[in-house]
Amino acid sequence: MLLKKHIRTLCLLTTLFIAFDDSAFAQSYRGDEEQTSDNNTTKKSKKNNRKEDKKKKSRAIEYPLSPLKTRYQIDVLIPLYLDELVVDDKITFKGKLPEKAQSGVNFYEGIKLAVDSLNQLGYKTNVCIHDISSKGSQIEQLIEADSMASSDLIIGFVPAQQVSALAKYALAKQVNFVSAFSPSDANIKDNPYFILINPTLQTNCQKIATSILKKRVNENLIIYRRSSVAVDSMAYKLMLDSVDFKNFVVVDCDQMPDSASLSKIVDSADKNIILMPIIDALYAEKLVQQLHKTFSNVEFEIYGMPSWKSLASTKKTVELGEKIAINTTQPYFFDATLPLSQAIAAKYKINFGGRPSEMTYRGYEILFWMNALLYKYGTHFNPKMDDNAPFIFTPYNLTQKWDGQNEFYYIENKHLYLSHFQAGIVSIER
């Protein structure tokens, strides 16, 4: 009932303005990754790629002077689907929110709770919520009407196909655009105002491959390759470009591998490390289940992709038993036992009913953190973006992205967690 009442209230305005007062801060998948050849044929290229971020930059990125102000405006773009959820002041759905609206509404709820917290700290900020799924507030219309002309910061909870237009607008206006949902960089180059919060496919692959290299001793390494799917083929190549793996076996999985072939390469007497750069979680689960059923007494340490939400879970790994561990990367982790998490959960229950989701915590921390940077350093806080002291949960690592030719791309958060699931128990490597 609280949720439905809240949705109806949201529908009173397509664009919602929230203001809070000012004081000093109280407590201080890249879509076109370079295609490289298979392993053992491009070692020189791999070394060059790994040195990419270490090369001396050809130029400094300069930003306009950013004098501090007493009030800032933050525009938040979210698909809330209010036109569909409420018609003639009547809720159109029964029970849970439609799946397509769930993430956006949860993110908004986090924004709203952050506004309440910042209001208690005494800030003056105009937070403008745009429902980009509603008539008149779609991204193209907002840009054409220059509706964000007064914005000091744009936070976009938007899909990949809408990232490019917002990044172009932010560059023209010289205000930061924080892409808070999609890991896609939309092939953006030379845009110092584009901040990608969800690390790209390349960064995820680097984290996974590096983790294997650090932890592997003499274990058998098997790498799955799915060449028939473009994104899987890219992930495979990015993994091999990240580190120089030694002594590994490749399993082609355009079709399900046959058990007889797997029996020849699986070490039945020791742990096997399995690298599965397969984005499709359902297909990945079939591959994992095949190992589980065929080699029930063999130990597997499986490294998968951040898209494996349904597979990398306590429930699923209970079913898989103690012999199989699954490791995946994730851009955020919210510890429900922390006092702040519990305080947010309590406020959430009062305001909306139920429990906050990951996206609620995400919305909360991004608005809280970005607001702190604005008041501490001004609209162009980028030269000081290595200051993550005001972060709430996630120790973001905002880093300038350059290519091997010293060409600048954008700013990307490089911080990732590595989650380890085994027999229903989860541990997080920070």
Protein backbone atom coordinates (compact mmCIF):
# COMPACT_ATOMS: atom_id res chain seq x y z
CA MET A 1 0.00 0.00 0.00
CA LEU A 2 2.83 2.42 0.81
CA LEU A 3 4.44 1.69 -2.56
CA LYS A 4 1.25 2.32 -4.51
CA LYS A 5 0.62 5.54 -2.59
CA HIS A 6 4.17 6.58 -3.37
CA ILE A 7 3.78 5.83 -7.09
CA ARG A 8 0.59 7.88 -7.21
CA THR A 9 2.37 10.80 -5.52
CA LEU A 10 5.21 10.56 -8.02
CA CYS A 11 2.72 10.87 -10.86
CA LEU A 12 1.60 14.30 -9.73
CA LEU A 13 4.62 15.72 -11.54
CA THR A 14 6.57 14.30 -14.46
CA THR A 15 9.51 16.35 -13.23
CA LEU A 16 9.98 16.49 -9.48
CA PHE A 17 12.01 19.20 -7.76
CA ILE A 18 13.44 18.58 -4.30
CA ALA A 19 15.32 21.27 -2.38
CA PHE A 20 17.51 20.97 0.68
CA ASP A 21 19.58 23.48 2.65
CA ASP A 22 23.27 24.27 2.75
CA SER A 23 26.09 23.92 5.29
CA ALA A 24 29.68 22.76 5.25
CA PHE A 25 29.82 19.04 4.70
CA ALA A 26 29.23 17.58 8.13
CA GLN A 27 31.42 14.49 7.68
CA SER A 28 33.88 14.87 5.42
CA TYR A 29 30.76 -2.94 -21.63
CA ARG A 30 33.43 -0.62 -23.74
CA GLY A 31 31.39 -1.38 -26.89
CA ASP A 32 34.33 -1.21 -29.30
CA GLU A 33 37.27 -2.67 -27.42
CA GLU A 34 40.13 -3.37 -29.77
CA GLN A 35 39.86 -6.81 -31.32
CA THR A 36 43.03 -8.84 -30.88
CA SER A 37 44.08 -12.26 -32.03
CA ASP A 38 43.96 -15.46 -30.01
CA ASN A 39 46.48 -16.57 -27.39
CA ASN A 40 50.09 -17.37 -28.28
CA THR A 41 49.94 -15.17 -31.41
CA THR A 42 49.92 -11.63 -30.03
CA LYS A 43 52.15 -11.57 -26.96
CA LYS A 44 53.75 -8.30 -27.99
CA SER A 45 50.32 -6.72 -28.47
CA LYS A 46 49.22 -7.99 -25.06
CA LYS A 47 52.20 -6.39 -23.34
CA ASN A 48 51.45 -3.09 -25.05
CA ASN A 49 47.82 -3.27 -23.96
CA ARG A 50 48.74 -3.93 -20.34
CA LYS A 51 51.07 -0.93 -20.35
CA GLU A 52 48.31 1.27 -21.75
CA ASP A 53 47.35 2.97 -18.49
CA LYS A 54 50.97 3.34 -17.38
CA LYS A 55 52.07 5.41 -20.37
CA LYS A 56 52.80 9.06 -19.88
CA LYS A 57 49.80 11.13 -20.91
CA SER A 58 50.33 13.31 -23.97
CA ARG A 59 48.40 16.23 -22.51
CA ALA A 60 46.76 17.41 -19.34
CA ILE A 61 42.98 17.52 -19.18
CA GLU A 62 41.99 21.06 -18.28
CA TYR A 63 38.70 22.19 -16.76
CA PRO A 64 37.24 25.70 -16.32
CA LEU A 65 37.65 27.43 -13.00
CA SER A 66 35.02 26.27 -10.58
CA PRO A 67 34.21 28.84 -7.87
CA LEU A 68 32.13 27.46 -5.03
CA LYS A 69 28.44 28.33 -4.92
CA THR A 70 25.85 28.40 -2.16
CA ARG A 71 23.38 26.32 -4.18
CA TYR A 72 23.78 23.66 -6.86
CA GLN A 73 21.41 21.92 -9.21
CA ILE A 74 21.55 18.19 -9.88
CA ASP A 75 19.43 16.71 -12.66
CA VAL A 76 18.63 13.02 -12.28
CA LEU A 77 17.29 11.13 -15.31
CA ILE A 78 15.44 7.88 -14.57
CA PRO A 79 12.93 5.75 -16.52
CA LEU A 80 10.05 5.52 -14.02
CA TYR A 81 7.23 4.65 -16.47
CA LEU A 82 4.79 6.78 -14.53
CA ASP A 83 2.53 7.26 -17.57
CA GLU A 84 2.00 3.51 -17.62
CA LEU A 85 1.91 2.81 -13.89
CA VAL A 86 -0.84 5.34 -13.18
CA VAL A 87 -3.64 6.24 -15.59
CA ASP A 88 -6.42 8.67 -14.57
CA ASP A 89 -5.02 8.65 -11.04
CA LYS A 90 -5.45 4.88 -10.82
CA ILE A 91 -2.69 2.30 -10.33
CA THR A 92 -2.54 0.00 -13.36
CA PHE A 93 -0.68 -2.90 -11.76
CA LYS A 94 -1.40 -5.41 -9.02
CA GLY A 95 1.13 -6.61 -6.51
CA LYS A 96 4.76 -5.94 -7.43
CA LEU A 97 5.93 -3.22 -9.77
CA PRO A 98 6.40 -4.30 -13.40
CA GLU A 99 9.95 -5.57 -13.87
CA LYS A 100 10.92 -2.85 -16.36
CA ALA A 101 10.13 -0.14 -13.80
CA GLN A 102 11.59 -1.85 -10.74
CA SER A 103 15.23 -0.72 -11.00
CA GLY A 104 14.41 2.88 -11.87
CA VAL A 105 11.89 3.27 -9.05
CA ASN A 106 14.31 1.68 -6.58
CA PHE A 107 17.07 4.06 -7.70
CA TYR A 108 14.69 7.01 -7.27
CA GLU A 109 13.81 5.82 -3.77
CA GLY A 110 17.50 5.94 -2.89
CA ILE A 111 17.74 9.47 -4.29
CA LYS A 112 14.75 10.52 -2.19
CA LEU A 113 16.20 9.05 1.00
CA ALA A 114 19.55 10.77 0.31
CA VAL A 115 17.73 14.09 -0.11
CA ASP A 116 16.12 13.59 3.30
CA SER A 117 19.52 12.89 4.87
CA LEU A 118 21.17 15.88 3.22
CA ASN A 119 18.27 18.06 4.27
CA GLN A 120 19.08 17.18 7.86
CA LEU A 121 22.70 18.23 7.22
CA GLY A 122 21.51 21.61 5.96
CA TYR A 123 22.42 21.66 2.26
CA LYS A 124 20.86 23.87 -0.43
CA THR A 125 20.59 21.85 -3.61
CA ASN A 126 17.92 21.63 -6.26
CA VAL A 127 17.45 18.00 -7.25
CA CYS A 128 15.40 17.68 -10.41
CA ILE A 129 14.00 14.24 -11.26
CA HIS A 130 13.12 13.62 -14.92
CA ASP A 131 11.03 10.58 -15.79
CA ILE A 132 12.62 9.96 -19.19
CA SER A 133 9.99 7.38 -20.10
CA SER A 134 7.16 9.94 -19.90
CA LYS A 135 5.86 12.08 -22.72
CA GLY A 136 7.62 15.42 -22.85
CA SER A 137 10.54 14.29 -20.71
CA GLN A 138 12.34 11.88 -23.01
CA ILE A 139 16.05 12.55 -23.36
CA GLU A 140 15.83 13.93 -26.89
CA GLN A 141 13.09 16.33 -25.78
CA LEU A 142 15.01 17.45 -22.70
CA ILE A 143 18.08 18.16 -24.81
CA GLU A 144 16.16 19.98 -27.55
CA ALA A 145 14.36 22.13 -24.99
CA ASP A 146 17.61 22.70 -23.09
CA SER A 147 15.77 21.73 -19.92
CA MET A 148 19.01 21.10 -18.05
CA ALA A 149 20.65 24.42 -18.91
CA SER A 150 21.07 25.33 -15.23
CA SER A 151 22.40 21.95 -14.19
CA ASP A 152 25.69 21.61 -12.28
CA LEU A 153 25.63 17.82 -12.56
CA ILE A 154 23.65 15.23 -14.52
CA ILE A 155 23.11 11.75 -13.07
CA GLY A 156 21.75 9.35 -15.66
CA PHE A 157 20.19 6.02 -14.75
CA VAL A 158 19.88 5.31 -18.46
CA PRO A 159 20.38 2.34 -20.82
CA ALA A 160 23.35 2.04 -23.18
CA GLN A 161 21.59 3.48 -26.23
CA GLN A 162 20.91 6.78 -24.43
CA VAL A 163 24.40 7.34 -23.04
CA SER A 164 25.91 8.95 -26.15
CA ALA A 165 23.36 11.77 -26.50
CA LEU A 166 23.66 12.74 -22.84
CA ALA A 167 27.46 12.63 -22.94
CA LYS A 168 27.47 14.91 -26.00
CA TYR A 169 25.12 17.35 -24.26
CA ALA A 170 27.25 17.34 -21.09
CA LEU A 171 30.38 18.07 -23.12
CA ALA A 172 28.70 21.01 -24.84
CA LYS A 173 27.51 22.40 -21.49
CA GLN A 174 30.75 21.56 -19.66
CA VAL A 175 28.98 19.80 -16.82
CA ASN A 176 29.66 16.27 -15.61
CA PHE A 177 27.39 13.45 -16.70
CA VAL A 178 27.53 10.49 -14.32
CA SER A 179 26.32 7.34 -16.04
CA ALA A 180 25.05 5.33 -13.07
CA PHE A 181 23.45 2.29 -14.69
CA SER A 182 24.94 0.98 -17.93
CA PRO A 183 28.54 -0.28 -18.20
CA SER A 184 28.59 0.82 -21.86
CA ASP A 185 30.82 3.71 -22.86
CA ALA A 186 28.92 4.13 -26.16
CA ASN A 187 32.26 4.49 -28.02
CA ILE A 188 32.77 7.89 -26.41
CA LYS A 189 36.14 9.56 -26.90
CA ASP A 190 37.74 12.80 -25.75
CA ASN A 191 34.99 13.69 -23.29
CA PRO A 192 36.35 14.80 -19.90
CA TYR A 193 32.79 15.31 -18.59
CA PHE A 194 31.66 11.71 -19.04
CA ILE A 195 31.98 9.66 -15.84
CA LEU A 196 31.22 5.94 -16.13
CA ILE A 197 30.36 4.46 -12.74
CA ASN A 198 29.79 0.85 -13.82
CA PRO A 199 33.17 -0.48 -15.06
CA THR A 200 33.35 -1.61 -18.68
CA LEU A 201 33.60 -5.18 -19.92
CA GLN A 202 37.33 -4.63 -20.40
CA THR A 203 37.84 -3.59 -16.78
CA ASN A 204 35.80 -6.55 -15.52
CA CYS A 205 37.86 -8.94 -17.64
CA GLN A 206 41.09 -7.44 -16.35
CA LYS A 207 39.96 -7.88 -12.75
CA ILE A 208 38.95 -11.51 -13.28
CA ALA A 209 42.07 -12.50 -15.22
CA THR A 210 44.36 -10.78 -12.72
CA SER A 211 42.63 -12.53 -9.82
CA ILE A 212 43.18 -15.92 -11.43
CA LEU A 213 46.84 -15.14 -12.09
CA LYS A 214 47.40 -14.11 -8.47
CA LYS A 215 45.68 -17.12 -6.92
CA ARG A 216 46.65 -19.88 -9.30
CA VAL A 217 49.51 -22.10 -8.21
CA ASN A 218 49.71 -25.25 -10.31
CA GLU A 219 46.00 -25.90 -10.84
CA ASN A 220 44.67 -27.05 -14.18
CA LEU A 221 43.28 -24.04 -16.09
CA ILE A 222 40.46 -24.51 -18.61
CA ILE A 223 39.15 -21.52 -20.59
CA TYR A 224 35.82 -21.68 -22.38
CA ARG A 225 35.53 -19.91 -25.75
CA ARG A 226 32.26 -19.02 -27.46
CA SER A 227 33.22 -17.51 -30.80
CA SER A 228 29.68 -17.47 -32.26
CA VAL A 229 28.53 -14.70 -29.90
CA ALA A 230 30.30 -11.38 -30.45
CA VAL A 231 30.33 -10.16 -26.85
CA ASP A 232 31.55 -13.55 -25.57
CA SER A 233 34.27 -13.64 -28.19
CA MET A 234 35.31 -10.15 -27.13
CA ALA A 235 35.35 -11.11 -23.46
CA TYR A 236 37.52 -14.15 -24.22
CA LYS A 237 40.06 -12.00 -26.05
CA LEU A 238 40.03 -9.32 -23.36
CA MET A 239 40.79 -11.96 -20.74
CA LEU A 240 43.81 -13.22 -22.67
CA ASP A 241 44.98 -9.69 -23.39
CA SER A 242 44.94 -8.85 -19.69
CA VAL A 243 47.54 -11.37 -18.50
CA ASP A 244 49.86 -14.03 -19.91
CA PHE A 245 48.25 -17.28 -18.83
CA LYS A 246 50.54 -20.30 -18.96
CA ASN A 247 49.57 -23.89 -19.69
CA PHE A 248 45.84 -23.70 -20.24
CA VAL A 249 43.34 -25.63 -22.33
CA VAL A 250 40.64 -24.04 -24.48
CA VAL A 251 37.14 -25.54 -24.68
CA ASP A 252 35.05 -24.37 -27.62
CA CYS A 253 31.45 -24.00 -26.47
CA ASP A 254 29.52 -22.64 -29.43
CA GLN A 255 27.59 -25.82 -28.73
CA MET A 256 27.51 -27.73 -25.46
CA PRO A 257 30.84 -29.59 -25.09
CA ASP A 258 30.53 -33.36 -24.94
CA SER A 259 31.34 -35.06 -21.65
CA ALA A 260 33.87 -37.42 -23.22
CA SER A 261 36.01 -34.54 -24.45
CA LEU A 262 35.83 -32.79 -21.08
CA SER A 263 36.91 -35.99 -19.33
CA LYS A 264 40.21 -35.85 -21.19
CA ILE A 265 41.15 -32.40 -19.86
CA VAL A 266 39.57 -32.27 -16.38
CA ASP A 267 41.96 -33.19 -13.57
CA SER A 268 39.97 -35.57 -11.38
CA ALA A 269 42.59 -35.61 -8.63
CA ASP A 270 42.98 -31.87 -8.03
CA LYS A 271 41.17 -28.55 -8.23
CA ASN A 272 40.37 -27.23 -11.72
CA ILE A 273 40.19 -23.50 -12.44
CA ILE A 274 37.50 -22.76 -15.02
CA LEU A 275 37.31 -19.39 -16.78
CA MET A 276 33.94 -18.85 -18.50
CA PRO A 277 33.72 -15.47 -20.26
CA ILE A 278 30.08 -16.14 -21.16
CA ILE A 279 27.68 -13.21 -20.73
CA ASP A 280 24.43 -15.19 -21.08
CA ALA A 281 23.78 -16.44 -17.54
CA LEU A 282 21.33 -19.13 -18.66
CA TYR A 283 23.82 -20.69 -21.07
CA ALA A 284 26.59 -20.36 -18.49
CA GLU A 285 24.42 -22.22 -15.99
CA LYS A 286 24.04 -25.11 -18.45
CA LEU A 287 27.81 -25.32 -18.73
CA VAL A 288 28.24 -25.25 -14.96
CA GLN A 289 25.53 -27.85 -14.46
CA GLN A 290 27.27 -30.10 -16.97
CA LEU A 291 30.45 -29.99 -14.88
CA HIS A 292 28.46 -30.59 -11.70
CA LYS A 293 26.63 -33.64 -13.04
CA THR A 294 29.50 -35.16 -15.02
CA PHE A 295 32.23 -34.68 -12.40
CA SER A 296 30.35 -34.76 -9.09
CA ASN A 297 33.48 -35.56 -7.06
CA VAL A 298 35.82 -33.09 -8.77
CA GLU A 299 36.61 -29.64 -7.35
CA PHE A 300 36.03 -26.62 -9.61
CA GLU A 301 36.88 -22.96 -9.03
CA ILE A 302 34.80 -21.18 -11.68
CA TYR A 303 35.31 -17.56 -12.73
CA GLY A 304 32.37 -16.00 -14.53
CA MET A 305 30.89 -12.67 -15.55
CA PRO A 306 29.07 -9.89 -13.63
CA SER A 307 25.89 -10.80 -15.54
CA TRP A 308 25.62 -14.08 -13.60
CA LYS A 309 23.19 -12.75 -11.00
CA SER A 310 20.95 -15.82 -11.06
CA LEU A 311 23.86 -18.27 -11.04
CA ALA A 312 26.15 -16.56 -8.55
CA SER A 313 23.82 -16.76 -5.58
CA THR A 314 23.68 -18.50 -2.22
CA LYS A 315 20.63 -20.54 -3.26
CA LYS A 316 22.15 -21.80 -6.50
CA THR A 317 25.50 -22.69 -4.97
CA VAL A 318 23.75 -24.71 -2.26
CA GLU A 319 22.32 -26.82 -5.08
CA LEU A 320 25.77 -27.14 -6.68
CA GLY A 321 27.32 -28.42 -3.47
CA GLU A 322 30.73 -27.95 -1.88
CA LYS A 323 32.81 -28.97 -4.90
CA ILE A 324 31.93 -25.94 -7.03
CA ALA A 325 32.82 -22.34 -6.23
CA ILE A 326 31.72 -19.44 -8.42
CA ASN A 327 33.55 -16.11 -8.61
CA THR A 328 32.15 -13.01 -10.31
CA THR A 329 32.90 -9.30 -10.34
CA GLN A 330 30.40 -6.72 -9.19
CA PRO A 331 30.59 -2.90 -9.13
CA TYR A 332 29.05 -2.46 -5.70
CA PHE A 333 28.40 -4.27 -2.44
CA PHE A 334 26.20 -3.01 0.37
CA ASP A 335 26.81 -4.57 3.76
CA ALA A 336 23.40 -4.79 5.44
CA THR A 337 25.04 -5.10 8.88
CA LEU A 338 26.55 -1.61 8.84
CA PRO A 339 24.81 1.01 11.02
CA LEU A 340 24.23 3.29 8.02
CA SER A 341 22.72 0.44 6.00
CA GLN A 342 20.37 -0.34 8.85
CA ALA A 343 19.43 3.33 9.20
CA ILE A 344 18.63 3.54 5.49
CA ALA A 345 16.60 0.32 5.73
CA ALA A 346 14.61 1.74 8.64
CA LYS A 347 13.85 4.95 6.75
CA TYR A 348 12.94 2.93 3.68
CA LYS A 349 10.43 0.86 5.62
CA ILE A 350 8.77 4.00 6.96
CA ASN A 351 8.63 5.76 3.57
CA PHE A 352 7.98 2.91 1.15
CA GLY A 353 7.44 -0.31 3.08
CA GLY A 354 9.53 -3.47 2.69
CA ARG A 355 13.30 -3.57 2.28
CA PRO A 356 15.63 -1.46 0.09
CA SER A 357 17.21 -3.08 -2.94
CA GLU A 358 20.79 -2.70 -4.18
CA MET A 359 19.60 0.02 -6.56
CA THR A 360 18.11 1.95 -3.64
CA TYR A 361 21.45 1.94 -1.85
CA ARG A 362 23.12 2.86 -5.15
CA GLY A 363 20.91 5.89 -5.68
CA TYR A 364 21.51 6.98 -2.10
CA GLU A 365 25.29 6.77 -2.20
CA ILE A 366 25.74 8.35 -5.64
CA LEU A 367 23.67 11.43 -4.83
CA PHE A 368 25.23 11.79 -1.38
CA TRP A 369 28.76 11.43 -2.73
CA MET A 370 28.33 13.70 -5.75
CA ASN A 371 26.67 16.38 -3.65
CA ALA A 372 29.68 16.30 -1.32
CA LEU A 373 32.11 16.76 -4.24
CA LEU A 374 30.10 19.70 -5.59
CA TYR A 375 30.16 21.58 -2.31
CA LYS A 376 33.77 20.75 -1.61
CA TYR A 377 35.28 21.49 -5.05
CA GLY A 378 32.60 23.07 -7.22
CA THR A 379 30.92 22.07 -10.49
CA HIS A 380 34.18 20.95 -12.10
CA PHE A 381 35.42 18.75 -9.27
CA ASN A 382 37.23 16.44 -11.72
CA PRO A 383 40.83 17.41 -10.80
CA LYS A 384 39.98 16.33 -7.24
CA MET A 385 38.02 13.21 -8.14
CA ASP A 386 40.62 11.01 -6.47
CA ASP A 387 39.18 12.27 -3.18
CA ASN A 388 36.75 9.49 -2.33
CA ALA A 389 36.66 10.41 1.35
CA PRO A 390 32.94 11.31 1.21
CA PHE A 391 31.96 7.90 -0.21
CA ILE A 392 29.23 6.04 1.64
CA PHE A 393 29.65 2.36 0.76
CA THR A 394 31.75 1.97 -2.39
CA PRO A 395 35.37 3.24 -2.50
CA TYR A 396 35.13 4.44 -6.08
CA ASN A 397 38.32 4.75 -8.10
CA LEU A 398 37.62 7.35 -10.80
CA THR A 399 40.40 7.10 -13.37
CA GLN A 400 41.10 8.81 -16.68
CA LYS A 401 40.98 6.32 -19.52
CA TRP A 402 43.64 6.60 -22.25
CA ASP A 403 44.44 4.30 -25.13
CA GLY A 404 47.81 3.01 -26.30
CA GLN A 405 48.29 6.07 -28.51
CA ASN A 406 47.82 8.47 -25.57
CA GLU A 407 44.37 9.50 -26.74
CA PHE A 408 41.94 10.43 -23.96
CA TYR A 409 38.52 8.78 -23.72
CA TYR A 410 36.61 9.56 -20.51
CA ILE A 411 36.61 8.91 -16.76
CA GLU A 412 35.84 5.40 -15.52
CA ASN A 413 35.37 3.90 -12.09
CA LYS A 414 37.91 1.08 -11.91
CA HIS A 415 36.89 -0.30 -8.53
CA LEU A 416 35.35 -3.77 -8.57
CA TYR A 417 34.52 -6.35 -5.92
CA LEU A 418 35.15 -10.05 -6.45
CA SER A 419 32.36 -12.22 -5.04
CA HIS A 420 33.03 -15.84 -4.08
CA PHE A 421 30.03 -18.18 -3.75
CA GLN A 422 30.37 -21.73 -2.48
CA ALA A 423 27.85 -24.06 -0.84
CA GLY A 424 25.55 -21.18 0.00
CA ILE A 425 28.25 -19.04 1.59
CA VAL A 426 29.38 -15.76 0.05
CA SER A 427 32.58 -13.84 0.71
CA ILE A 428 33.55 -10.49 -0.82
CA GLU A 429 37.06 -9.53 -1.85
CA ARG A 430 37.30 -5.77 -1.57
